[in-house]
Amino acid sequence: MAEGTMAAIVVAAISGGVVTKFIELIVAWFKGKHAREQTGWEKYDKAMRRLRMVLEVLHETRLLLHKRTGMPYSEMPPIPEFRDDT
């Protein structure tokens, strides 16, 4: 093929929207991936907030039990340790 013919095909593809549509599809794919990652972090944050609330209530319950009954902390069930197994 002649160089002029190749240039004409490239110009036709760009002006016809083929490359433009391809770029739009790539951008949409990246945005979708970003949205999924954000949703994952939001779920993680929500779970961590709940965990902190549970641990806070557990601490307050142990403190009240100690103050009202005099039970030593050593006789109370231990606070569970949460590991990050990821």
C-alpha atoms as a PDB file:
ATOM      1  CA  MET A   1       0.000   0.000   0.000  1.00  0.00           C
ATOM      2  CA  ALA A   2       1.091   3.475  -0.608  1.00  0.00           C
ATOM      3  CA  GLU A   3       1.844   5.796   2.283  1.00  0.00           C
ATOM      4  CA  GLY A   4      -0.995   8.073   1.251  1.00  0.00           C
ATOM      5  CA  THR A   5      -3.484   5.222   1.390  1.00  0.00           C
ATOM      6  CA  MET A   6      -2.359   4.228   4.916  1.00  0.00           C
ATOM      7  CA  ALA A   7      -2.625   7.833   6.079  1.00  0.00           C
ATOM      8  CA  ALA A   8      -6.112   8.080   4.590  1.00  0.00           C
ATOM      9  CA  ILE A   9      -7.209   4.898   6.420  1.00  0.00           C
ATOM     10  CA  VAL A  10      -5.860   6.179   9.756  1.00  0.00           C
ATOM     11  CA  VAL A  11      -7.521   9.566   9.300  1.00  0.00           C
ATOM     12  CA  ALA A  12     -10.803   7.886   8.328  1.00  0.00           C
ATOM     13  CA  ALA A  13     -10.674   5.640  11.413  1.00  0.00           C
ATOM     14  CA  ILE A  14     -10.018   8.557  13.743  1.00  0.00           C
ATOM     15  CA  SER A  15     -12.588  10.845  12.177  1.00  0.00           C
ATOM     16  CA  GLY A  16     -15.093   8.007  11.916  1.00  0.00           C
ATOM     17  CA  GLY A  17     -15.005   7.535  15.661  1.00  0.00           C
ATOM     18  CA  VAL A  18     -13.517   4.047  15.804  1.00  0.00           C
ATOM     19  CA  VAL A  19     -10.502   5.095  17.845  1.00  0.00           C
ATOM     20  CA  THR A  20     -12.587   7.561  19.855  1.00  0.00           C
ATOM     21  CA  LYS A  21     -15.106   4.851  20.757  1.00  0.00           C
ATOM     22  CA  PHE A  22     -12.285   2.467  21.667  1.00  0.00           C
ATOM     23  CA  ILE A  23     -10.764   5.057  24.007  1.00  0.00           C
ATOM     24  CA  GLU A  24     -14.172   5.700  25.594  1.00  0.00           C
ATOM     25  CA  LEU A  25     -14.563   1.962  26.237  1.00  0.00           C
ATOM     26  CA  ILE A  26     -11.134   1.788  27.876  1.00  0.00           C
ATOM     27  CA  VAL A  27     -11.921   4.779  30.095  1.00  0.00           C
ATOM     28  CA  ALA A  28     -15.278   3.268  31.088  1.00  0.00           C
ATOM     29  CA  TRP A  29     -13.558   0.008  31.977  1.00  0.00           C
ATOM     30  CA  PHE A  30     -11.075   1.801  34.219  1.00  0.00           C
ATOM     31  CA  LYS A  31     -13.858   3.790  35.892  1.00  0.00           C
ATOM     32  CA  GLY A  32     -15.787   0.609  36.598  1.00  0.00           C
ATOM     33  CA  LYS A  33     -12.752  -0.944  38.195  1.00  0.00           C
ATOM     34  CA  HIS A  34     -12.268   2.131  40.347  1.00  0.00           C
ATOM     35  CA  ALA A  35     -15.914   2.046  41.449  1.00  0.00           C
ATOM     36  CA  ARG A  36     -15.608  -1.612  42.474  1.00  0.00           C
ATOM     37  CA  GLU A  37     -12.479  -0.862  44.495  1.00  0.00           C
ATOM     38  CA  GLN A  38     -14.205   2.048  46.233  1.00  0.00           C
ATOM     39  CA  THR A  39     -17.161  -0.192  47.097  1.00  0.00           C
ATOM     40  CA  GLY A  40     -14.755  -2.694  48.635  1.00  0.00           C
ATOM     41  CA  TRP A  41     -13.115  -0.030  50.794  1.00  0.00           C
ATOM     42  CA  GLU A  42     -16.524   1.271  51.887  1.00  0.00           C
ATOM     43  CA  LYS A  43     -17.512  -2.222  53.019  1.00  0.00           C
ATOM     44  CA  TYR A  44     -14.217  -2.573  54.879  1.00  0.00           C
ATOM     45  CA  ASP A  45     -14.700   0.788  56.623  1.00  0.00           C
ATOM     46  CA  LYS A  46     -18.233  -0.156  57.633  1.00  0.00           C
ATOM     47  CA  ALA A  47     -17.058  -3.474  59.086  1.00  0.00           C
ATOM     48  CA  MET A  48     -14.234  -1.779  61.009  1.00  0.00           C
ATOM     49  CA  ARG A  49     -16.636   0.812  62.471  1.00  0.00           C
ATOM     50  CA  ARG A  50     -18.889  -2.004  63.682  1.00  0.00           C
ATOM     51  CA  LEU A  51     -15.934  -3.860  65.175  1.00  0.00           C
ATOM     52  CA  ARG A  52     -14.768  -0.757  67.049  1.00  0.00           C
ATOM     53  CA  MET A  53     -18.299  -0.209  68.390  1.00  0.00           C
ATOM     54  CA  VAL A  54     -18.500  -3.803  69.632  1.00  0.00           C
ATOM     55  CA  LEU A  55     -15.103  -3.577  71.315  1.00  0.00           C
ATOM     56  CA  GLU A  56     -16.057  -0.279  72.969  1.00  0.00           C
ATOM     57  CA  VAL A  57     -19.293  -1.729  74.357  1.00  0.00           C
ATOM     58  CA  LEU A  58     -17.406  -4.804  75.559  1.00  0.00           C
ATOM     59  CA  HIS A  59     -14.904  -2.600  77.389  1.00  0.00           C
ATOM     60  CA  GLU A  60     -17.680  -0.567  79.032  1.00  0.00           C
ATOM     61  CA  THR A  61     -19.495  -3.758  80.065  1.00  0.00           C
ATOM     62  CA  ARG A  62     -16.351  -5.174  81.678  1.00  0.00           C
ATOM     63  CA  LEU A  63     -15.748  -1.863  83.478  1.00  0.00           C
ATOM     64  CA  LEU A  64     -19.321  -1.801  84.860  1.00  0.00           C
ATOM     65  CA  LEU A  65     -19.065  -5.431  85.942  1.00  0.00           C
ATOM     66  CA  HIS A  66     -15.844  -4.645  87.786  1.00  0.00           C
ATOM     67  CA  LYS A  67     -17.273  -1.525  89.475  1.00  0.00           C
ATOM     68  CA  ARG A  68     -20.644  -3.015  90.488  1.00  0.00           C
ATOM     69  CA  THR A  69     -19.618  -6.512  91.556  1.00  0.00           C
ATOM     70  CA  GLY A  70     -15.933  -6.107  92.284  1.00  0.00           C
ATOM     71  CA  MET A  71     -15.096  -8.995  89.972  1.00  0.00           C
ATOM     72  CA  PRO A  72     -11.417  -8.868  89.029  1.00  0.00           C
ATOM     73  CA  TYR A  73     -10.588  -8.568  85.352  1.00  0.00           C
ATOM     74  CA  SER A  74      -8.592 -11.791  85.522  1.00  0.00           C
ATOM     75  CA  GLU A  75     -11.819 -13.767  86.186  1.00  0.00           C
ATOM     76  CA  MET A  76     -13.668 -12.196  83.240  1.00  0.00           C
ATOM     77  CA  PRO A  77     -13.567 -13.776  79.808  1.00  0.00           C
ATOM     78  CA  PRO A  78     -10.708 -12.283  77.805  1.00  0.00           C
ATOM     79  CA  ILE A  79     -11.298  -9.728  75.083  1.00  0.00           C
ATOM     80  CA  PRO A  80     -10.797 -11.567  71.785  1.00  0.00           C
ATOM     81  CA  GLU A  81      -7.777 -10.607  69.733  1.00  0.00           C
ATOM     82  CA  PHE A  82      -8.524  -9.874  66.113  1.00  0.00           C
ATOM     83  CA  ARG A  83      -5.831 -10.838  63.638  1.00  0.00           C
ATOM     84  CA  ASP A  84      -5.448  -9.623  60.109  1.00  0.00           C
ATOM     85  CA  ASP A  85      -5.245 -12.916  58.214  1.00  0.00           C
ATOM     86  CA  THR A  86      -5.239 -11.304  54.795  1.00  0.00           C
END
